[in-house]
Amino acid sequence: MGAVFLKEKEMRLAELTGGIVLLLLGVAIFFFSLELPYMSEYGPGPGFLPRWLSLALVGCSVAVLVGLLRKQKKDESFLKPRTREGVKVLGLIIINFLFLPVLGFSVVLALFTGMTMRAMGRHSWVLCGLTALGVAIGIHLIFIQWLTIPLPEGIVGW
C-alpha cells in the first residue's frame, strides 16, 4: 500500500483541530490541577507538575494556532462549505442539549430532526415540520408507551 499524502488544506485543518484539542486539554488539566496542593511538606506537591505541564501545553498549542492563522492566505476561505454545515449541526446539537431538561427528549429530538433537515437538506418547512411531528410521536409511542423506558420529560410531558 502506498503512502497517503494530505493536501495542504487538509493538513492545515488537521493541525488546527489538533491545536484546538490540545489547547482545551491543557486548560482542563490546569483547572483540575488547581484542586491539588501545589506544595507539600517536603517540596513540590501533587499539583506542581500537572500545573506547569498544562501551561506548557497551552503555550505550545497557542503557538501552533497562531502560526497556522498567520500562514493562511488572505484570499482563501478557511472552512469548506460542508465544514460550515457540520459546524451548524454541532451548534444545533448543543442548543438542543441545553433545552432537553425544559422540553423533554421526544420534543428535543423532533426539533433537532426538523432543524437538521432544514439546515442540511434544504427541505421545505412543511416536510421538516411533518417529519419532526412524526419523530416526536414515534419516540413517544415506541420508547415510552411500548418499551416503557422512562425518558426525560419537559413541560409538555413528552
Protein backbone atom coordinates (compact mmCIF):
# COMPACT_ATOMS: atom_id res chain seq x y z
CA MET A 1 0.00 0.00 0.00
CA GLY A 2 1.28 3.42 -0.89
CA ALA A 3 1.58 6.29 1.48
CA VAL A 4 -1.33 8.68 1.70
CA PHE A 5 -0.38 12.32 1.32
CA LEU A 6 -2.70 15.02 2.55
CA LYS A 7 -3.34 18.14 0.58
CA GLU A 8 -2.18 21.41 2.07
CA LYS A 9 -5.70 22.50 3.16
CA GLU A 10 -6.44 19.12 4.70
CA MET A 11 -3.16 19.22 6.58
CA ARG A 12 -3.93 22.71 7.86
CA LEU A 13 -7.35 21.58 9.07
CA ALA A 14 -5.76 18.60 10.84
CA GLU A 15 -3.21 20.88 12.51
CA LEU A 16 -5.95 23.30 13.52
CA THR A 17 -8.04 20.51 15.03
CA GLY A 18 -5.04 19.12 16.88
CA GLY A 19 -4.09 22.56 18.18
CA ILE A 20 -7.59 23.25 19.48
CA VAL A 21 -7.88 19.82 21.12
CA LEU A 22 -4.51 20.23 22.84
CA LEU A 23 -5.44 23.75 23.95
CA LEU A 24 -8.67 22.51 25.52
CA LEU A 25 -6.85 19.58 27.13
CA GLY A 26 -4.22 21.91 28.61
CA VAL A 27 -6.88 24.25 30.01
CA ALA A 28 -8.79 21.31 31.53
CA ILE A 29 -5.66 19.86 33.11
CA PHE A 30 -4.77 23.27 34.53
CA PHE A 31 -8.15 23.70 36.22
CA PHE A 32 -8.12 20.15 37.59
CA SER A 33 -4.60 20.68 38.93
CA LEU A 34 -5.85 23.64 40.96
CA GLU A 35 -7.69 21.15 43.18
CA LEU A 36 -4.38 19.50 44.15
CA PRO A 37 -1.95 21.07 46.63
CA TYR A 38 0.84 22.96 44.87
CA MET A 39 3.38 22.44 47.67
CA SER A 40 3.74 19.68 50.21
CA GLU A 41 5.69 19.24 53.40
CA TYR A 42 8.84 18.07 51.59
CA GLY A 43 8.73 20.13 48.40
CA PRO A 44 6.53 20.30 45.30
CA GLY A 45 3.10 18.75 45.83
CA PRO A 46 0.94 16.65 43.52
CA GLY A 47 -0.40 19.75 41.76
CA PHE A 48 3.03 21.14 40.85
CA LEU A 49 3.85 19.04 37.76
CA PRO A 50 0.38 18.97 36.16
CA ARG A 51 0.03 22.73 36.55
CA TRP A 52 3.33 23.52 34.82
CA LEU A 53 2.89 20.86 32.14
CA SER A 54 -0.59 22.17 31.35
CA LEU A 55 0.76 25.70 31.00
CA ALA A 56 3.46 24.41 28.62
CA LEU A 57 0.81 22.51 26.64
CA VAL A 58 -1.37 25.62 26.37
CA GLY A 59 1.62 27.70 25.29
CA CYS A 60 2.66 25.24 22.59
CA SER A 61 -0.86 24.85 21.24
CA VAL A 62 -1.33 28.63 21.11
CA ALA A 63 1.96 28.92 19.20
CA VAL A 64 0.78 26.29 16.69
CA LEU A 65 -2.60 28.00 16.25
CA VAL A 66 -1.08 31.46 15.80
CA GLY A 67 1.38 30.08 13.24
CA LEU A 68 -1.45 28.43 11.32
CA LEU A 69 -3.54 31.57 11.23
CA ARG A 70 -0.56 33.65 10.06
CA LYS A 71 0.19 31.22 7.21
CA GLN A 72 -3.35 31.43 5.84
CA LYS A 73 -3.60 33.27 2.57
CA LYS A 74 -5.89 36.27 2.55
CA ASP A 75 -7.91 35.20 -0.49
CA GLU A 76 -8.77 31.64 0.51
CA SER A 77 -11.60 30.51 2.72
CA PHE A 78 -10.57 28.70 5.88
CA LEU A 79 -13.54 26.35 6.10
CA LYS A 80 -15.09 24.40 3.25
CA PRO A 81 -18.85 24.77 2.71
CA ARG A 82 -19.55 21.28 4.06
CA THR A 83 -17.49 22.07 7.15
CA ARG A 84 -19.73 25.07 7.80
CA GLU A 85 -22.75 22.78 7.66
CA GLY A 86 -21.07 20.46 10.15
CA VAL A 87 -20.49 23.39 12.49
CA LYS A 88 -24.19 24.30 12.13
CA VAL A 89 -25.19 20.77 13.13
CA LEU A 90 -22.82 20.88 16.10
CA GLY A 91 -24.47 24.14 17.15
CA LEU A 92 -27.90 22.54 16.83
CA ILE A 93 -26.76 19.62 18.99
CA ILE A 94 -25.54 21.99 21.71
CA ILE A 95 -28.73 24.09 21.61
CA ASN A 96 -30.96 21.02 21.78
CA PHE A 97 -28.90 19.56 24.62
CA LEU A 98 -29.45 22.76 26.60
CA PHE A 99 -33.22 22.62 26.03
CA LEU A 100 -33.51 18.90 26.93
CA PRO A 101 -34.49 19.43 30.59
CA VAL A 102 -37.10 22.03 29.63
CA LEU A 103 -38.73 20.46 26.56
CA GLY A 104 -38.14 16.74 27.10
CA PHE A 105 -36.45 14.09 24.98
CA SER A 106 -39.18 13.49 22.38
CA VAL A 107 -39.69 17.18 21.62
CA VAL A 108 -35.95 17.96 21.53
CA LEU A 109 -35.21 15.05 19.19
CA ALA A 110 -38.09 16.09 16.95
CA LEU A 111 -36.86 19.69 16.81
CA PHE A 112 -33.32 18.52 16.15
CA THR A 113 -34.53 16.33 13.27
CA GLY A 114 -36.55 19.12 11.70
CA MET A 115 -33.86 21.77 12.09
CA THR A 116 -31.14 19.48 10.77
CA MET A 117 -33.26 18.55 7.76
CA ARG A 118 -33.79 22.23 7.03
CA ALA A 119 -30.13 23.17 7.55
CA MET A 120 -28.57 20.25 5.65
CA GLY A 121 -31.08 19.07 3.09
CA ARG A 122 -32.80 22.31 2.18
CA HIS A 123 -36.19 20.64 2.58
CA SER A 124 -39.41 22.64 2.78
CA TRP A 125 -40.69 23.85 6.13
CA VAL A 126 -43.80 21.69 5.76
CA LEU A 127 -41.79 18.49 5.23
CA CYS A 128 -39.45 19.34 8.12
CA GLY A 129 -42.43 20.03 10.41
CA LEU A 130 -44.23 16.82 9.45
CA THR A 131 -41.07 14.77 9.93
CA ALA A 132 -40.45 16.38 13.32
CA LEU A 133 -44.02 15.62 14.36
CA GLY A 134 -43.64 12.00 13.21
CA VAL A 135 -40.37 11.65 15.14
CA ALA A 136 -41.93 13.05 18.34
CA ILE A 137 -44.92 10.73 18.12
CA GLY A 138 -42.77 7.76 17.14
CA ILE A 139 -40.31 8.26 20.00
CA HIS A 140 -43.17 8.66 22.47
CA LEU A 141 -45.03 5.57 21.26
CA ILE A 142 -42.01 3.29 20.90
CA PHE A 143 -39.93 4.17 23.94
CA ILE A 144 -42.45 5.46 26.48
CA GLN A 145 -45.60 3.50 25.63
CA TRP A 146 -44.37 0.24 24.13
CA LEU A 147 -40.95 -0.32 25.76
CA THR A 148 -41.83 1.64 28.95
CA ILE A 149 -38.41 3.29 29.01
CA PRO A 150 -38.51 6.50 31.05
CA LEU A 151 -37.17 9.42 29.03
CA PRO A 152 -36.65 12.99 30.26
CA GLU A 153 -39.98 14.81 30.13
CA GLY A 154 -40.33 18.54 29.72
CA ILE A 155 -43.17 20.96 30.28
CA VAL A 156 -45.16 19.26 27.53
CA GLY A 157 -44.92 15.92 29.34
CA TRP A 158 -43.33 14.20 26.35
